[in-house]
């Protein structure tokens, strides 16, 4: 059965008013009397009227849609960020379209092209683990579409960014472990192309140096954040003549993968080897043996800040892109 889409013209004919009156009434324009607006909205609802996005775009050069590109929706961190993004977007009258890169450069590139084809008003993105070339993101801005990065922001690229003070968080985490009396502390980091990994490493090394502990490249591992690679790197750490007494991990997922390796080898996590992670995801509260502590990154608030920044740029257009803005949010060490 072919569906019939109600139009503004049909609503106008039924009410005996002009098309422009209906259009303004549907936008709650106060130039139209309250009673007329109520009649228009009541009839539009009964006729199942849905605004035509193409018509809106032609009239306002805006789709009221934001594209969000992130690595994995299944990760609690990013699902929490999406909640913050949606809460602000919907309040401001914008729809949200989400795409996953699954940490693959090619998927990320295709998603951005799809966003541009759909004429989204702006893009919020967290960089894929594989990405070390950002030309596809520059194409978004060259197209005239505002772009805001959050959490995983690109290295050495001027852009709008919302991120956490990862270096400070890593320092605080290492200080926490040192106060537990451990001396051999390893870092299970993420891909070296991500700026957040540099920040974790800088915080780690700064704390090690301040507290006069010895370190070695053998205690610093870069993972691609997958379970398989994390298992390999954890086994390498356990095979050392002097295995680490504690490990700071890129996030809670890396910590869980690493702790699983320990259990399989009869090593008790957080007793034989201590773990501290980043993210502080809710799932850790349901574990029998969670990391001793997590660096809270406030994903929901980060999503809110990124969306507020993007919508502000969208709704205050200029002939040229405004100066880039960077929002730095504080982390907090949460002891479990």
C-alpha atoms as a PDB file:
ATOM      1  CA  UNK A   1       0.000   0.000   0.000  1.00  0.00           C
ATOM      2  CA  UNK A   2       1.403   3.382  -1.009  1.00  0.00           C
ATOM      3  CA  UNK A   3       1.567   5.884   1.816  1.00  0.00           C
ATOM      4  CA  UNK A   4       0.431   9.430   1.321  1.00  0.00           C
ATOM      5  CA  UNK A   5       2.488  12.111   3.006  1.00  0.00           C
ATOM      6  CA  UNK A   6       0.411  15.044   4.219  1.00  0.00           C
ATOM      7  CA  UNK A   7       1.607  18.456   3.019  1.00  0.00           C
ATOM      8  CA  UNK A   8       1.426  22.005   4.328  1.00  0.00           C
ATOM      9  CA  UNK A   9      -0.761  22.864   1.316  1.00  0.00           C
ATOM     10  CA  UNK A  10      -3.370  20.246   2.309  1.00  0.00           C
ATOM     11  CA  UNK A  11      -3.439  21.513   5.898  1.00  0.00           C
ATOM     12  CA  UNK A  12      -3.923  25.065   4.629  1.00  0.00           C
ATOM     13  CA  UNK A  13      -6.811  24.024   2.350  1.00  0.00           C
ATOM     14  CA  UNK A  14      -8.608  22.188   5.147  1.00  0.00           C
ATOM     15  CA  UNK A  15      -8.315  25.155   7.514  1.00  0.00           C
ATOM     16  CA  UNK A  16      -8.963  27.792   4.883  1.00  0.00           C
ATOM     17  CA  UNK A  17      -5.750  29.699   5.588  1.00  0.00           C
ATOM     18  CA  UNK A  18      -2.651  30.461   3.563  1.00  0.00           C
ATOM     19  CA  UNK A  19       0.290  28.110   3.182  1.00  0.00           C
ATOM     20  CA  UNK A  20       2.578  30.696   4.788  1.00  0.00           C
ATOM     21  CA  UNK A  21       0.276  30.861   7.826  1.00  0.00           C
ATOM     22  CA  UNK A  22       0.531  27.088   8.286  1.00  0.00           C
ATOM     23  CA  UNK A  23       4.290  27.174   7.805  1.00  0.00           C
ATOM     24  CA  UNK A  24       4.731  29.885  10.427  1.00  0.00           C
ATOM     25  CA  UNK A  25       2.314  28.189  12.812  1.00  0.00           C
ATOM     26  CA  UNK A  26       4.269  24.932  12.620  1.00  0.00           C
ATOM     27  CA  UNK A  27       7.368  26.905  13.602  1.00  0.00           C
ATOM     28  CA  UNK A  28       5.455  28.431  16.550  1.00  0.00           C
ATOM     29  CA  UNK A  29       5.942  31.887  15.070  1.00  0.00           C
ATOM     30  CA  UNK A  30       4.217  34.361  17.425  1.00  0.00           C
ATOM     31  CA  UNK A  31       3.064  36.413  14.431  1.00  0.00           C
ATOM     32  CA  UNK A  32       0.373  33.752  14.146  1.00  0.00           C
ATOM     33  CA  UNK A  33      -2.328  33.856  16.806  1.00  0.00           C
ATOM     34  CA  UNK A  34      -2.294  31.180  19.499  1.00  0.00           C
ATOM     35  CA  UNK A  35      -5.688  29.760  18.509  1.00  0.00           C
ATOM     36  CA  UNK A  36      -4.638  29.429  14.860  1.00  0.00           C
ATOM     37  CA  UNK A  37      -1.382  27.758  15.875  1.00  0.00           C
ATOM     38  CA  UNK A  38      -3.289  25.278  18.023  1.00  0.00           C
ATOM     39  CA  UNK A  39      -5.687  24.461  15.144  1.00  0.00           C
ATOM     40  CA  UNK A  40      -2.761  23.962  12.760  1.00  0.00           C
ATOM     41  CA  UNK A  41      -0.875  21.702  15.172  1.00  0.00           C
ATOM     42  CA  UNK A  42      -4.010  19.692  15.968  1.00  0.00           C
ATOM     43  CA  UNK A  43      -4.799  19.058  12.302  1.00  0.00           C
ATOM     44  CA  UNK A  44      -1.158  18.369  11.416  1.00  0.00           C
ATOM     45  CA  UNK A  45      -1.050  15.749  14.156  1.00  0.00           C
ATOM     46  CA  UNK A  46      -4.290  14.094  13.016  1.00  0.00           C
ATOM     47  CA  UNK A  47      -2.996  13.997   9.423  1.00  0.00           C
ATOM     48  CA  UNK A  48       0.352  12.532  10.601  1.00  0.00           C
ATOM     49  CA  UNK A  49       2.196  15.433   9.023  1.00  0.00           C
ATOM     50  CA  UNK A  50       5.992  15.105   9.040  1.00  0.00           C
ATOM     51  CA  UNK A  51       8.208  18.041   8.005  1.00  0.00           C
ATOM     52  CA  UNK A  52      10.082  17.499   4.756  1.00  0.00           C
ATOM     53  CA  UNK A  53      13.811  17.771   5.541  1.00  0.00           C
ATOM     54  CA  UNK A  54      14.632  18.580   1.921  1.00  0.00           C
ATOM     55  CA  UNK A  55      12.225  21.510   1.971  1.00  0.00           C
ATOM     56  CA  UNK A  56      13.661  22.746   5.263  1.00  0.00           C
ATOM     57  CA  UNK A  57      17.171  22.542   3.830  1.00  0.00           C
ATOM     58  CA  UNK A  58      16.173  24.520   0.725  1.00  0.00           C
ATOM     59  CA  UNK A  59      14.545  27.190   2.862  1.00  0.00           C
ATOM     60  CA  UNK A  60      17.066  27.482   5.699  1.00  0.00           C
ATOM     61  CA  UNK A  61      20.152  25.786   4.245  1.00  0.00           C
ATOM     62  CA  UNK A  62      20.148  23.600   7.325  1.00  0.00           C
ATOM     63  CA  UNK A  63      19.079  19.999   8.028  1.00  0.00           C
ATOM     64  CA  UNK A  64      19.119  20.253  11.839  1.00  0.00           C
ATOM     65  CA  UNK A  65      21.129  17.036  11.873  1.00  0.00           C
ATOM     66  CA  UNK A  66      24.468  16.336  13.567  1.00  0.00           C
ATOM     67  CA  UNK A  67      26.712  13.470  12.502  1.00  0.00           C
ATOM     68  CA  UNK A  68      28.546  11.654  15.293  1.00  0.00           C
ATOM     69  CA  UNK A  69      31.484   9.408  14.441  1.00  0.00           C
ATOM     70  CA  UNK A  70      32.986   7.215  17.146  1.00  0.00           C
ATOM     71  CA  UNK A  71      34.938   3.953  17.397  1.00  0.00           C
ATOM     72  CA  UNK A  72      32.399   1.606  19.045  1.00  0.00           C
ATOM     73  CA  UNK A  73      28.865   2.083  20.297  1.00  0.00           C
ATOM     74  CA  UNK A  74      29.211  -1.067  22.392  1.00  0.00           C
ATOM     75  CA  UNK A  75      31.844   0.603  24.562  1.00  0.00           C
ATOM     76  CA  UNK A  76      30.180   2.125  27.595  1.00  0.00           C
ATOM     77  CA  UNK A  77      32.381   5.196  27.419  1.00  0.00           C
ATOM     78  CA  UNK A  78      31.076   6.147  23.978  1.00  0.00           C
ATOM     79  CA  UNK A  79      27.473   5.203  24.725  1.00  0.00           C
ATOM     80  CA  UNK A  80      27.639   7.540  27.733  1.00  0.00           C
ATOM     81  CA  UNK A  81      29.078  10.280  25.514  1.00  0.00           C
ATOM     82  CA  UNK A  82      26.249   9.734  22.999  1.00  0.00           C
ATOM     83  CA  UNK A  83      23.724  10.257  25.801  1.00  0.00           C
ATOM     84  CA  UNK A  84      25.243  13.661  26.534  1.00  0.00           C
ATOM     85  CA  UNK A  85      25.344  14.534  22.822  1.00  0.00           C
ATOM     86  CA  UNK A  86      21.699  13.561  22.286  1.00  0.00           C
ATOM     87  CA  UNK A  87      20.455  15.383  25.380  1.00  0.00           C
ATOM     88  CA  UNK A  88      21.877  18.690  24.173  1.00  0.00           C
ATOM     89  CA  UNK A  89      21.075  18.146  20.487  1.00  0.00           C
ATOM     90  CA  UNK A  90      17.421  17.249  21.049  1.00  0.00           C
ATOM     91  CA  UNK A  91      16.958  20.167  23.424  1.00  0.00           C
ATOM     92  CA  UNK A  92      18.281  22.477  20.698  1.00  0.00           C
ATOM     93  CA  UNK A  93      16.103  20.909  17.976  1.00  0.00           C
ATOM     94  CA  UNK A  94      18.737  18.775  16.257  1.00  0.00           C
ATOM     95  CA  UNK A  95      18.664  15.106  15.281  1.00  0.00           C
ATOM     96  CA  UNK A  96      21.700  12.877  15.780  1.00  0.00           C
ATOM     97  CA  UNK A  97      23.029  10.355  13.253  1.00  0.00           C
ATOM     98  CA  UNK A  98      25.661   7.969  14.637  1.00  0.00           C
ATOM     99  CA  UNK A  99      28.263   5.978  12.708  1.00  0.00           C
ATOM    100  CA  UNK A 100      30.956   3.590  14.006  1.00  0.00           C
ATOM    101  CA  UNK A 101      34.490   3.443  12.639  1.00  0.00           C
ATOM    102  CA  UNK A 102      35.202   0.247  14.588  1.00  0.00           C
ATOM    103  CA  UNK A 103      38.697   1.729  14.860  1.00  0.00           C
ATOM    104  CA  UNK A 104      39.222   1.354  11.084  1.00  0.00           C
ATOM    105  CA  UNK A 105      40.488   4.241   8.945  1.00  0.00           C
ATOM    106  CA  UNK A 106      38.526   3.171   5.867  1.00  0.00           C
ATOM    107  CA  UNK A 107      35.204   3.003   7.743  1.00  0.00           C
ATOM    108  CA  UNK A 108      35.910   6.400   9.279  1.00  0.00           C
ATOM    109  CA  UNK A 109      36.577   7.909   5.856  1.00  0.00           C
ATOM    110  CA  UNK A 110      33.358   6.451   4.373  1.00  0.00           C
ATOM    111  CA  UNK A 111      31.281   7.637   7.332  1.00  0.00           C
ATOM    112  CA  UNK A 112      32.477  11.212   6.881  1.00  0.00           C
ATOM    113  CA  UNK A 113      31.637  11.123   3.163  1.00  0.00           C
ATOM    114  CA  UNK A 114      28.168   9.840   4.045  1.00  0.00           C
ATOM    115  CA  UNK A 115      27.690  12.690   6.519  1.00  0.00           C
ATOM    116  CA  UNK A 116      28.621  15.248   3.865  1.00  0.00           C
ATOM    117  CA  UNK A 117      26.305  13.623   1.303  1.00  0.00           C
ATOM    118  CA  UNK A 118      23.483  13.868   3.829  1.00  0.00           C
ATOM    119  CA  UNK A 119      24.303  17.552   4.410  1.00  0.00           C
ATOM    120  CA  UNK A 120      24.656  17.277   8.181  1.00  0.00           C
ATOM    121  CA  UNK A 121      25.038  20.675   9.852  1.00  0.00           C
ATOM    122  CA  UNK A 122      28.087  19.594  11.842  1.00  0.00           C
ATOM    123  CA  UNK A 123      30.189  16.612  12.900  1.00  0.00           C
ATOM    124  CA  UNK A 124      31.403  15.371  16.287  1.00  0.00           C
ATOM    125  CA  UNK A 125      34.168  12.769  16.057  1.00  0.00           C
ATOM    126  CA  UNK A 126      36.462  10.588  18.128  1.00  0.00           C
ATOM    127  CA  UNK A 127      39.407   9.333  16.069  1.00  0.00           C
ATOM    128  CA  UNK A 128      39.810   5.656  15.114  1.00  0.00           C
ATOM    129  CA  UNK A 129      42.795   3.707  16.426  1.00  0.00           C
ATOM    130  CA  UNK A 130      44.110   3.158  12.868  1.00  0.00           C
ATOM    131  CA  UNK A 131      43.995   6.819  11.872  1.00  0.00           C
ATOM    132  CA  UNK A 132      47.245   8.740  11.443  1.00  0.00           C
ATOM    133  CA  UNK A 133      46.224  10.850   8.431  1.00  0.00           C
ATOM    134  CA  UNK A 134      43.590  13.506   8.993  1.00  0.00           C
ATOM    135  CA  UNK A 135      43.024  14.795   5.449  1.00  0.00           C
ATOM    136  CA  UNK A 136      39.487  13.325   5.398  1.00  0.00           C
ATOM    137  CA  UNK A 137      38.621  15.452   8.420  1.00  0.00           C
ATOM    138  CA  UNK A 138      40.017  18.561   6.740  1.00  0.00           C
ATOM    139  CA  UNK A 139      37.705  17.824   3.794  1.00  0.00           C
ATOM    140  CA  UNK A 140      34.760  18.155   6.177  1.00  0.00           C
ATOM    141  CA  UNK A 141      35.825  21.675   7.140  1.00  0.00           C
ATOM    142  CA  UNK A 142      36.711  22.540   3.547  1.00  0.00           C
ATOM    143  CA  UNK A 143      33.118  21.630   2.704  1.00  0.00           C
ATOM    144  CA  UNK A 144      32.053  24.301   5.198  1.00  0.00           C
ATOM    145  CA  UNK A 145      30.830  21.844   7.834  1.00  0.00           C
ATOM    146  CA  UNK A 146      31.866  22.581  11.444  1.00  0.00           C
ATOM    147  CA  UNK A 147      33.770  19.783  13.180  1.00  0.00           C
ATOM    148  CA  UNK A 148      34.482  19.101  16.853  1.00  0.00           C
ATOM    149  CA  UNK A 149      36.710  16.286  18.121  1.00  0.00           C
ATOM    150  CA  UNK A 150      36.223  14.751  21.554  1.00  0.00           C
ATOM    151  CA  UNK A 151      38.265  12.369  23.723  1.00  0.00           C
ATOM    152  CA  UNK A 152      40.456  10.836  21.010  1.00  0.00           C
ATOM    153  CA  UNK A 153      41.603  14.020  19.333  1.00  0.00           C
ATOM    154  CA  UNK A 154      44.075  14.167  16.405  1.00  0.00           C
ATOM    155  CA  UNK A 155      47.751  14.731  16.970  1.00  0.00           C
ATOM    156  CA  UNK A 156      49.331  17.993  15.731  1.00  0.00           C
ATOM    157  CA  UNK A 157      46.166  19.230  14.039  1.00  0.00           C
ATOM    158  CA  UNK A 158      44.550  22.576  14.755  1.00  0.00           C
ATOM    159  CA  UNK A 159      40.888  21.826  15.420  1.00  0.00           C
ATOM    160  CA  UNK A 160      38.008  22.247  17.852  1.00  0.00           C
ATOM    161  CA  UNK A 161      38.679  19.767  20.662  1.00  0.00           C
ATOM    162  CA  UNK A 162      37.015  18.626  23.861  1.00  0.00           C
ATOM    163  CA  UNK A 163      39.245  16.371  25.909  1.00  0.00           C
ATOM    164  CA  UNK A 164      40.363  15.468  29.413  1.00  0.00           C
ATOM    165  CA  UNK A 165      43.586  16.324  31.231  1.00  0.00           C
ATOM    166  CA  UNK A 166      44.933  12.820  30.613  1.00  0.00           C
ATOM    167  CA  UNK A 167      48.502  13.674  31.640  1.00  0.00           C
ATOM    168  CA  UNK A 168      47.340  14.793  35.073  1.00  0.00           C
ATOM    169  CA  UNK A 169      45.135  11.705  35.387  1.00  0.00           C
ATOM    170  CA  UNK A 170      48.029   9.372  34.561  1.00  0.00           C
ATOM    171  CA  UNK A 171      50.305  11.137  37.045  1.00  0.00           C
ATOM    172  CA  UNK A 172      47.713  10.821  39.801  1.00  0.00           C
ATOM    173  CA  UNK A 173      47.214   7.127  39.009  1.00  0.00           C
ATOM    174  CA  UNK A 174      50.946   6.367  39.203  1.00  0.00           C
ATOM    175  CA  UNK A 175      51.237   8.338  42.436  1.00  0.00           C
ATOM    176  CA  UNK A 176      48.371   6.234  43.850  1.00  0.00           C
ATOM    177  CA  UNK A 177      50.202   3.012  42.948  1.00  0.00           C
ATOM    178  CA  UNK A 178      53.503   4.247  44.376  1.00  0.00           C
ATOM    179  CA  UNK A 179      51.738   5.003  47.654  1.00  0.00           C
ATOM    180  CA  UNK A 180      50.712   1.335  47.645  1.00  0.00           C
ATOM    181  CA  UNK A 181      54.412   0.497  47.941  1.00  0.00           C
ATOM    182  CA  UNK A 182      55.031  -0.815  44.400  1.00  0.00           C
ATOM    183  CA  UNK A 183      58.140   0.079  42.424  1.00  0.00           C
ATOM    184  CA  UNK A 184      57.886  -1.752  39.102  1.00  0.00           C
ATOM    185  CA  UNK A 185      54.968  -0.142  37.270  1.00  0.00           C
ATOM    186  CA  UNK A 186      54.080  -0.875  33.649  1.00  0.00           C
ATOM    187  CA  UNK A 187      51.963   1.114  31.196  1.00  0.00           C
ATOM    188  CA  UNK A 188      49.635  -0.663  28.757  1.00  0.00           C
ATOM    189  CA  UNK A 189      48.912   2.199  26.401  1.00  0.00           C
ATOM    190  CA  UNK A 190      46.937   2.549  23.175  1.00  0.00           C
ATOM    191  CA  UNK A 191      48.112   3.198  19.586  1.00  0.00           C
ATOM    192  CA  UNK A 192      51.058   5.578  19.375  1.00  0.00           C
ATOM    193  CA  UNK A 193      49.289   7.745  16.765  1.00  0.00           C
ATOM    194  CA  UNK A 194      46.667   8.925  19.279  1.00  0.00           C
ATOM    195  CA  UNK A 195      47.479  12.105  21.190  1.00  0.00           C
ATOM    196  CA  UNK A 196      45.788  10.736  24.314  1.00  0.00           C
ATOM    197  CA  UNK A 197      48.417   7.988  24.348  1.00  0.00           C
ATOM    198  CA  UNK A 198      51.208  10.565  24.373  1.00  0.00           C
ATOM    199  CA  UNK A 199      49.481  12.228  27.312  1.00  0.00           C
ATOM    200  CA  UNK A 200      49.229   8.952  29.246  1.00  0.00           C
ATOM    201  CA  UNK A 201      52.894   8.270  28.587  1.00  0.00           C
ATOM    202  CA  UNK A 202      53.924  11.789  29.657  1.00  0.00           C
ATOM    203  CA  UNK A 203      51.988  11.511  32.931  1.00  0.00           C
ATOM    204  CA  UNK A 204      53.469   8.068  33.576  1.00  0.00           C
ATOM    205  CA  UNK A 205      57.063   9.161  32.929  1.00  0.00           C
ATOM    206  CA  UNK A 206      56.694  12.399  34.901  1.00  0.00           C
ATOM    207  CA  UNK A 207      55.484  10.504  37.968  1.00  0.00           C
ATOM    208  CA  UNK A 208      58.179   7.823  37.636  1.00  0.00           C
ATOM    209  CA  UNK A 209      60.855  10.519  37.467  1.00  0.00           C
ATOM    210  CA  UNK A 210      59.443  12.582  40.344  1.00  0.00           C
ATOM    211  CA  UNK A 211      59.371   9.624  42.698  1.00  0.00           C
ATOM    212  CA  UNK A 212      62.826   8.379  41.615  1.00  0.00           C
ATOM    213  CA  UNK A 213      61.647   5.025  40.290  1.00  0.00           C
ATOM    214  CA  UNK A 214      63.430   3.165  37.539  1.00  0.00           C
ATOM    215  CA  UNK A 215      61.619   2.336  34.344  1.00  0.00           C
ATOM    216  CA  UNK A 216      62.465   0.633  31.080  1.00  0.00           C
ATOM    217  CA  UNK A 217      60.944   0.424  27.587  1.00  0.00           C
ATOM    218  CA  UNK A 218      60.119  -3.206  28.407  1.00  0.00           C
ATOM    219  CA  UNK A 219      57.490  -1.945  30.879  1.00  0.00           C
ATOM    220  CA  UNK A 220      55.797   0.286  28.290  1.00  0.00           C
ATOM    221  CA  UNK A 221      53.496  -1.472  25.834  1.00  0.00           C
ATOM    222  CA  UNK A 222      51.422   0.016  23.006  1.00  0.00           C
ATOM    223  CA  UNK A 223      48.300  -1.957  22.076  1.00  0.00           C
ATOM    224  CA  UNK A 224      45.798  -1.522  19.258  1.00  0.00           C
ATOM    225  CA  UNK A 225      43.119  -1.764  22.013  1.00  0.00           C
ATOM    226  CA  UNK A 226      41.856  -5.140  20.766  1.00  0.00           C
ATOM    227  CA  UNK A 227      41.564  -8.122  23.094  1.00  0.00           C
ATOM    228  CA  UNK A 228      44.016 -10.215  21.042  1.00  0.00           C
ATOM    229  CA  UNK A 229      46.776  -7.607  21.034  1.00  0.00           C
ATOM    230  CA  UNK A 230      46.260  -6.831  24.722  1.00  0.00           C
ATOM    231  CA  UNK A 231      46.647 -10.527  25.550  1.00  0.00           C
ATOM    232  CA  UNK A 232      49.924 -10.667  23.608  1.00  0.00           C
ATOM    233  CA  UNK A 233      51.343  -7.583  25.356  1.00  0.00           C
ATOM    234  CA  UNK A 234      50.242  -8.815  28.789  1.00  0.00           C
ATOM    235  CA  UNK A 235      51.925 -12.175  28.237  1.00  0.00           C
ATOM    236  CA  UNK A 236      55.114 -10.311  27.284  1.00  0.00           C
ATOM    237  CA  UNK A 237      55.004  -8.409  30.579  1.00  0.00           C
ATOM    238  CA  UNK A 238      54.438 -11.590  32.592  1.00  0.00           C
ATOM    239  CA  UNK A 239      57.344 -13.304  30.802  1.00  0.00           C
ATOM    240  CA  UNK A 240      59.853 -10.711  32.040  1.00  0.00           C
ATOM    241  CA  UNK A 241      62.483 -11.771  34.588  1.00  0.00           C
ATOM    242  CA  UNK A 242      60.988  -9.081  36.833  1.00  0.00           C
ATOM    243  CA  UNK A 243      57.296  -8.731  35.927  1.00  0.00           C
ATOM    244  CA  UNK A 244      55.590  -5.481  36.897  1.00  0.00           C
ATOM    245  CA  UNK A 245      54.026  -5.175  40.322  1.00  0.00           C
ATOM    246  CA  UNK A 246      51.363  -2.823  38.977  1.00  0.00           C
ATOM    247  CA  UNK A 247      49.966  -1.764  35.588  1.00  0.00           C
ATOM    248  CA  UNK A 248      48.252   1.409  34.405  1.00  0.00           C
ATOM    249  CA  UNK A 249      46.017   0.591  31.414  1.00  0.00           C
ATOM    250  CA  UNK A 250      44.598   2.714  28.578  1.00  0.00           C
ATOM    251  CA  UNK A 251      41.017   2.016  29.694  1.00  0.00           C
ATOM    252  CA  UNK A 252      38.845  -0.400  31.649  1.00  0.00           C
ATOM    253  CA  UNK A 253      38.530  -2.796  28.706  1.00  0.00           C
ATOM    254  CA  UNK A 254      42.299  -3.176  28.372  1.00  0.00           C
ATOM    255  CA  UNK A 255      42.456  -3.764  32.126  1.00  0.00           C
ATOM    256  CA  UNK A 256      39.805  -6.502  31.899  1.00  0.00           C
ATOM    257  CA  UNK A 257      41.590  -8.259  29.025  1.00  0.00           C
ATOM    258  CA  UNK A 258      44.907  -8.076  30.907  1.00  0.00           C
ATOM    259  CA  UNK A 259      43.405  -9.305  34.184  1.00  0.00           C
ATOM    260  CA  UNK A 260      41.874 -12.263  32.352  1.00  0.00           C
ATOM    261  CA  UNK A 261      45.387 -13.310  31.238  1.00  0.00           C
ATOM    262  CA  UNK A 262      46.525 -13.137  34.865  1.00  0.00           C
ATOM    263  CA  UNK A 263      43.669 -15.361  36.031  1.00  0.00           C
ATOM    264  CA  UNK A 264      44.443 -17.942  33.352  1.00  0.00           C
ATOM    265  CA  UNK A 265      48.012 -18.136  34.667  1.00  0.00           C
ATOM    266  CA  UNK A 266      46.979 -18.408  38.304  1.00  0.00           C
ATOM    267  CA  UNK A 267      47.934 -14.814  39.102  1.00  0.00           C
ATOM    268  CA  UNK A 268      45.422 -12.972  41.270  1.00  0.00           C
ATOM    269  CA  UNK A 269      44.701  -9.482  39.850  1.00  0.00           C
ATOM    270  CA  UNK A 270      44.930  -6.631  42.352  1.00  0.00           C
ATOM    271  CA  UNK A 271      46.753  -8.905  44.775  1.00  0.00           C
ATOM    272  CA  UNK A 272      49.714 -10.317  42.883  1.00  0.00           C
ATOM    273  CA  UNK A 273      49.622  -7.501  40.300  1.00  0.00           C
ATOM    274  CA  UNK A 274      47.760  -4.233  40.894  1.00  0.00           C
ATOM    275  CA  UNK A 275      45.713  -2.549  38.162  1.00  0.00           C
ATOM    276  CA  UNK A 276      44.566   1.038  37.656  1.00  0.00           C
ATOM    277  CA  UNK A 277      42.681   2.030  34.506  1.00  0.00           C
ATOM    278  CA  UNK A 278      41.096   4.966  32.694  1.00  0.00           C
ATOM    279  CA  UNK A 279      37.365   5.655  32.075  1.00  0.00           C
ATOM    280  CA  UNK A 280      35.725   4.361  35.305  1.00  0.00           C
ATOM    281  CA  UNK A 281      32.884   2.692  33.419  1.00  0.00           C
ATOM    282  CA  UNK A 282      29.787   1.547  35.369  1.00  0.00           C
ATOM    283  CA  UNK A 283      30.452  -2.084  34.431  1.00  0.00           C
ATOM    284  CA  UNK A 284      33.447  -2.174  36.790  1.00  0.00           C
ATOM    285  CA  UNK A 285      31.098  -1.951  39.771  1.00  0.00           C
ATOM    286  CA  UNK A 286      29.673  -5.374  38.886  1.00  0.00           C
ATOM    287  CA  UNK A 287      33.025  -7.138  38.776  1.00  0.00           C
ATOM    288  CA  UNK A 288      34.158  -9.377  41.601  1.00  0.00           C
ATOM    289  CA  UNK A 289      37.673  -8.075  41.131  1.00  0.00           C
ATOM    290  CA  UNK A 290      37.658  -4.605  39.520  1.00  0.00           C
ATOM    291  CA  UNK A 291      40.774  -2.434  39.044  1.00  0.00           C
ATOM    292  CA  UNK A 292      41.870  -0.866  42.331  1.00  0.00           C
ATOM    293  CA  UNK A 293      41.067   2.552  40.898  1.00  0.00           C
ATOM    294  CA  UNK A 294      40.004   4.231  37.650  1.00  0.00           C
ATOM    295  CA  UNK A 295      40.630   7.671  36.239  1.00  0.00           C
ATOM    296  CA  UNK A 296      37.161   9.135  35.662  1.00  0.00           C
ATOM    297  CA  UNK A 297      36.951  10.934  32.299  1.00  0.00           C
ATOM    298  CA  UNK A 298      33.313  12.086  32.535  1.00  0.00           C
ATOM    299  CA  UNK A 299      32.197  10.839  29.104  1.00  0.00           C
ATOM    300  CA  UNK A 300      28.647  12.194  29.453  1.00  0.00           C
ATOM    301  CA  UNK A 301      29.883  15.695  30.274  1.00  0.00           C
ATOM    302  CA  UNK A 302      32.383  15.523  27.434  1.00  0.00           C
ATOM    303  CA  UNK A 303      29.529  14.739  25.038  1.00  0.00           C
ATOM    304  CA  UNK A 304      27.588  17.731  26.368  1.00  0.00           C
ATOM    305  CA  UNK A 305      30.537  20.120  25.958  1.00  0.00           C
ATOM    306  CA  UNK A 306      31.310  18.904  22.419  1.00  0.00           C
ATOM    307  CA  UNK A 307      27.692  19.377  21.318  1.00  0.00           C
ATOM    308  CA  UNK A 308      27.351  22.798  22.900  1.00  0.00           C
ATOM    309  CA  UNK A 309      30.523  23.919  21.139  1.00  0.00           C
ATOM    310  CA  UNK A 310      29.385  22.525  17.774  1.00  0.00           C
ATOM    311  CA  UNK A 311      25.871  23.992  17.900  1.00  0.00           C
ATOM    312  CA  UNK A 312      27.288  27.363  18.899  1.00  0.00           C
ATOM    313  CA  UNK A 313      29.428  27.329  15.750  1.00  0.00           C
ATOM    314  CA  UNK A 314      26.496  26.152  13.591  1.00  0.00           C
ATOM    315  CA  UNK A 315      24.128  28.821  14.859  1.00  0.00           C
ATOM    316  CA  UNK A 316      26.628  31.678  14.632  1.00  0.00           C
ATOM    317  CA  UNK A 317      27.795  31.344  11.022  1.00  0.00           C
ATOM    318  CA  UNK A 318      30.588  33.498   9.702  1.00  0.00           C
ATOM    319  CA  UNK A 319      32.141  33.959   6.285  1.00  0.00           C
ATOM    320  CA  UNK A 320      35.193  32.108   7.589  1.00  0.00           C
ATOM    321  CA  UNK A 321      35.479  29.360  10.178  1.00  0.00           C
ATOM    322  CA  UNK A 322      35.872  30.903  13.661  1.00  0.00           C
ATOM    323  CA  UNK A 323      39.115  30.386  15.625  1.00  0.00           C
ATOM    324  CA  UNK A 324      39.486  26.872  16.952  1.00  0.00           C
ATOM    325  CA  UNK A 325      38.539  26.285  20.552  1.00  0.00           C
ATOM    326  CA  UNK A 326      39.883  23.665  22.936  1.00  0.00           C
ATOM    327  CA  UNK A 327      37.989  22.621  26.065  1.00  0.00           C
ATOM    328  CA  UNK A 328      40.085  20.805  28.683  1.00  0.00           C
ATOM    329  CA  UNK A 329      38.134  18.886  31.319  1.00  0.00           C
ATOM    330  CA  UNK A 330      39.596  17.642  34.585  1.00  0.00           C
ATOM    331  CA  UNK A 331      39.845  13.961  35.451  1.00  0.00           C
ATOM    332  CA  UNK A 332      39.341  12.419  38.882  1.00  0.00           C
ATOM    333  CA  UNK A 333      40.868   9.289  40.384  1.00  0.00           C
ATOM    334  CA  UNK A 334      38.113   7.034  41.733  1.00  0.00           C
ATOM    335  CA  UNK A 335      39.265   4.387  44.208  1.00  0.00           C
ATOM    336  CA  UNK A 336      37.058   1.281  44.089  1.00  0.00           C
END
